[in-house]
Amino acid sequence: MADALEQRVKQLRHEYALQKDGEMMMNQRMIERLEHTIEMKEAELFRMQKESVDLLSRIDEVAKQRESMDAENQKLRRLLEKSNILTEKALKDTKRRLEESEKKRTAHLTQYNDVVSALKKENSDLVERAQRADERVGQVEEILVKEQVISFCLIGFVMAIMIMDPSIL
């Protein structure tokens, strides 16, 4: 009878050890998956930040083009003011170039405004996506911590029961 009881205790300890090892393996796998998810989200966040920097660089580039167009427009206006001493033909030619420049400037300004609006919207979307990704990573980390706490509490609870009442084994 005592041998059977000892055998049963050994069996229960072995089963508990197997169960504990299984839970540890599951926890480790979950940790690895979550770490992988976090790495992927961080990579995505880095990519989004790089895209944001690229978009801001493009905005600066378009702004420089606009300044260049404004400078050209000013230059043409000065030429128009000086053209009063030129012949009528020269005056008409200068006016024509100014109008073309104005049309180009208007077209470029429209294009610039469209690009800026699109870039701002895309940047806003990227920031929003990055914030959502950060929130999801925080939630996943919080779940992981809760699961680890629960696992350790269960292990402690089982050990406390075993210590308090060894006859359970």
Protein backbone atom coordinates (compact mmCIF):
# COMPACT_ATOMS: atom_id res chain seq x y z
CA MET A 1 0.00 0.00 0.00
CA ALA A 2 2.78 2.40 0.93
CA ASP A 3 4.67 1.46 -2.26
CA ALA A 4 1.58 2.19 -4.33
CA LEU A 5 1.19 5.53 -2.60
CA GLU A 6 4.84 6.38 -3.16
CA GLN A 7 4.52 5.24 -6.76
CA ARG A 8 1.43 7.45 -7.18
CA VAL A 9 3.27 10.42 -5.59
CA LYS A 10 6.18 9.89 -8.00
CA GLN A 11 3.75 9.67 -10.90
CA LEU A 12 1.96 12.86 -9.84
CA ARG A 13 5.27 14.70 -9.41
CA HIS A 14 6.37 13.50 -12.83
CA GLU A 15 3.06 14.63 -14.38
CA TYR A 16 3.33 17.98 -12.61
CA ALA A 17 6.90 18.40 -13.90
CA LEU A 18 5.75 17.55 -17.44
CA GLN A 19 2.83 19.96 -17.16
CA LYS A 20 5.11 22.68 -15.80
CA ASP A 21 7.61 22.07 -18.62
CA GLY A 22 4.78 22.20 -21.17
CA GLU A 23 3.50 25.46 -19.76
CA MET A 24 7.00 26.92 -19.76
CA MET A 25 7.45 25.87 -23.41
CA MET A 26 4.07 27.40 -24.32
CA ASN A 27 4.99 30.61 -22.50
CA GLN A 28 8.37 30.70 -24.24
CA ARG A 29 6.73 30.18 -27.64
CA MET A 30 4.23 32.92 -26.89
CA ILE A 31 7.05 35.24 -25.80
CA GLU A 32 8.94 34.47 -29.01
CA ARG A 33 5.84 35.13 -31.12
CA LEU A 34 5.17 38.39 -29.31
CA GLU A 35 8.79 39.46 -29.62
CA HIS A 36 8.61 38.68 -33.34
CA THR A 37 5.40 40.70 -33.60
CA ILE A 38 7.03 43.58 -31.74
CA GLU A 39 10.05 43.44 -34.06
CA MET A 40 7.77 43.49 -37.10
CA LYS A 41 5.79 46.44 -35.71
CA GLU A 42 9.00 48.31 -34.89
CA ALA A 43 10.28 47.66 -38.42
CA GLU A 44 6.99 48.92 -39.83
CA LEU A 45 7.15 51.97 -37.58
CA PHE A 46 10.74 52.64 -38.72
CA ARG A 47 9.63 52.31 -42.36
CA MET A 48 6.75 54.71 -41.76
CA GLN A 49 9.07 57.20 -40.06
CA LYS A 50 11.46 56.96 -43.01
CA GLU A 51 8.57 57.53 -45.41
CA SER A 52 7.54 60.53 -43.34
CA VAL A 53 11.07 61.94 -43.55
CA ASP A 54 11.10 61.28 -47.31
CA LEU A 55 7.76 63.05 -47.68
CA LEU A 56 9.01 66.06 -45.73
CA SER A 57 12.10 66.13 -47.93
CA ARG A 58 9.87 66.11 -51.00
CA ILE A 59 7.82 68.98 -49.55
CA ASP A 60 11.03 70.99 -49.05
CA GLU A 61 12.05 70.21 -52.62
CA VAL A 62 8.72 71.41 -54.00
CA ALA A 63 8.95 74.55 -51.82
CA LYS A 64 12.38 75.30 -53.30
CA GLN A 65 10.94 74.87 -56.79
CA ARG A 66 8.18 77.27 -55.88
CA GLU A 67 10.69 79.84 -54.62
CA SER A 68 12.61 79.46 -57.84
CA MET A 69 9.43 80.02 -59.84
CA ASP A 70 8.59 83.08 -57.74
CA ALA A 71 12.07 84.49 -58.32
CA GLU A 72 11.70 83.90 -62.06
CA ASN A 73 8.30 85.59 -62.00
CA GLN A 74 9.74 88.63 -60.23
CA LYS A 75 12.54 88.80 -62.76
CA LEU A 76 10.05 88.78 -65.62
CA ARG A 77 8.04 91.54 -63.98
CA ARG A 78 11.12 93.75 -63.75
CA LEU A 79 11.79 93.09 -67.41
CA LEU A 80 8.24 94.17 -68.18
CA GLU A 81 8.73 97.44 -66.32
CA LYS A 82 11.92 98.15 -68.25
CA SER A 83 10.36 97.22 -71.57
CA ASN A 84 8.58 100.58 -71.87
CA ILE A 85 11.61 101.83 -73.81
CA LEU A 86 11.54 98.82 -76.14
CA THR A 87 9.59 98.56 -79.29
CA GLU A 88 6.00 97.37 -79.32
CA LYS A 89 7.07 93.99 -80.59
CA ALA A 90 9.53 93.50 -77.72
CA LEU A 91 6.84 94.58 -75.27
CA LYS A 92 4.36 92.05 -76.64
CA ASP A 93 6.99 89.30 -76.52
CA THR A 94 7.82 90.06 -72.90
CA LYS A 95 4.14 90.08 -71.96
CA ARG A 96 3.68 86.73 -73.65
CA ARG A 97 6.59 85.21 -71.67
CA LEU A 98 5.20 86.66 -68.47
CA GLU A 99 1.79 85.12 -69.14
CA GLU A 100 3.38 81.76 -69.88
CA SER A 101 5.38 82.03 -66.69
CA GLU A 102 2.22 82.92 -64.75
CA LYS A 103 0.41 79.95 -66.25
CA LYS A 104 3.30 77.66 -65.36
CA ARG A 105 3.49 79.18 -61.90
CA THR A 106 -0.25 78.70 -61.41
CA ALA A 107 -0.01 75.13 -62.68
CA HIS A 108 3.00 74.46 -60.44
CA LEU A 109 1.30 76.09 -57.46
CA THR A 110 -1.77 73.96 -58.03
CA GLN A 111 0.42 70.89 -58.39
CA TYR A 112 2.44 71.94 -55.34
CA ASN A 113 -0.71 72.44 -53.27
CA ASP A 114 -2.06 69.07 -54.41
CA VAL A 115 1.24 67.38 -53.55
CA VAL A 116 1.44 69.14 -50.19
CA SER A 117 -2.15 68.17 -49.37
CA ALA A 118 -1.56 64.57 -50.39
CA LEU A 119 1.71 64.42 -48.48
CA LYS A 120 0.14 65.94 -45.38
CA LYS A 121 -2.74 63.46 -45.54
CA GLU A 122 -0.36 60.56 -46.10
CA ASN A 123 1.85 61.79 -43.26
CA SER A 124 -1.20 62.09 -41.01
CA ASP A 125 -2.28 58.58 -41.99
CA LEU A 126 1.21 57.25 -41.29
CA VAL A 127 1.30 58.93 -37.89
CA GLU A 128 -2.14 57.51 -37.08
CA ARG A 129 -1.07 54.03 -38.20
CA ALA A 130 2.10 54.31 -36.14
CA GLN A 131 0.06 55.33 -33.08
CA ARG A 132 -2.31 52.39 -33.59
CA ALA A 133 0.69 50.08 -33.96
CA ASP A 134 2.17 51.45 -30.73
CA GLU A 135 -1.16 50.88 -28.97
CA ARG A 136 -1.37 47.32 -30.29
CA VAL A 137 2.20 46.61 -29.16
CA GLY A 138 1.36 48.01 -25.72
CA GLN A 139 -1.75 45.85 -25.51
CA VAL A 140 0.19 42.75 -26.54
CA GLU A 141 2.89 43.50 -23.98
CA GLU A 142 0.24 44.02 -21.32
CA ILE A 143 -1.41 40.67 -22.17
CA LEU A 144 1.98 38.94 -22.02
CA VAL A 145 2.73 40.40 -18.61
CA LYS A 146 -0.72 39.38 -17.32
CA GLU A 147 -0.26 35.85 -18.62
CA GLN A 148 3.14 35.58 -17.01
CA VAL A 149 1.76 36.84 -13.70
CA ILE A 150 -1.10 34.34 -13.87
CA SER A 151 1.31 31.52 -14.69
CA PHE A 152 3.60 32.37 -11.79
CA CYS A 153 0.61 32.76 -9.45
CA LEU A 154 -0.71 29.34 -10.44
CA ILE A 155 2.69 27.75 -9.91
CA GLY A 156 3.01 29.46 -6.52
CA PHE A 157 -0.52 28.43 -5.60
CA VAL A 158 0.11 24.79 -6.48
CA MET A 159 3.41 24.81 -4.59
CA ALA A 160 1.76 26.42 -1.56
CA ILE A 161 -0.97 23.77 -1.57
CA MET A 162 1.66 21.05 -1.84
CA ILE A 163 3.62 22.50 1.05
CA MET A 164 0.55 23.03 3.22
CA ASP A 165 -0.94 19.62 2.58
CA PRO A 166 1.60 17.06 1.34
CA SER A 167 -1.06 14.37 1.55
CA ILE A 168 -2.57 15.76 -1.67
CA LEU A 169 0.32 14.24 -3.54
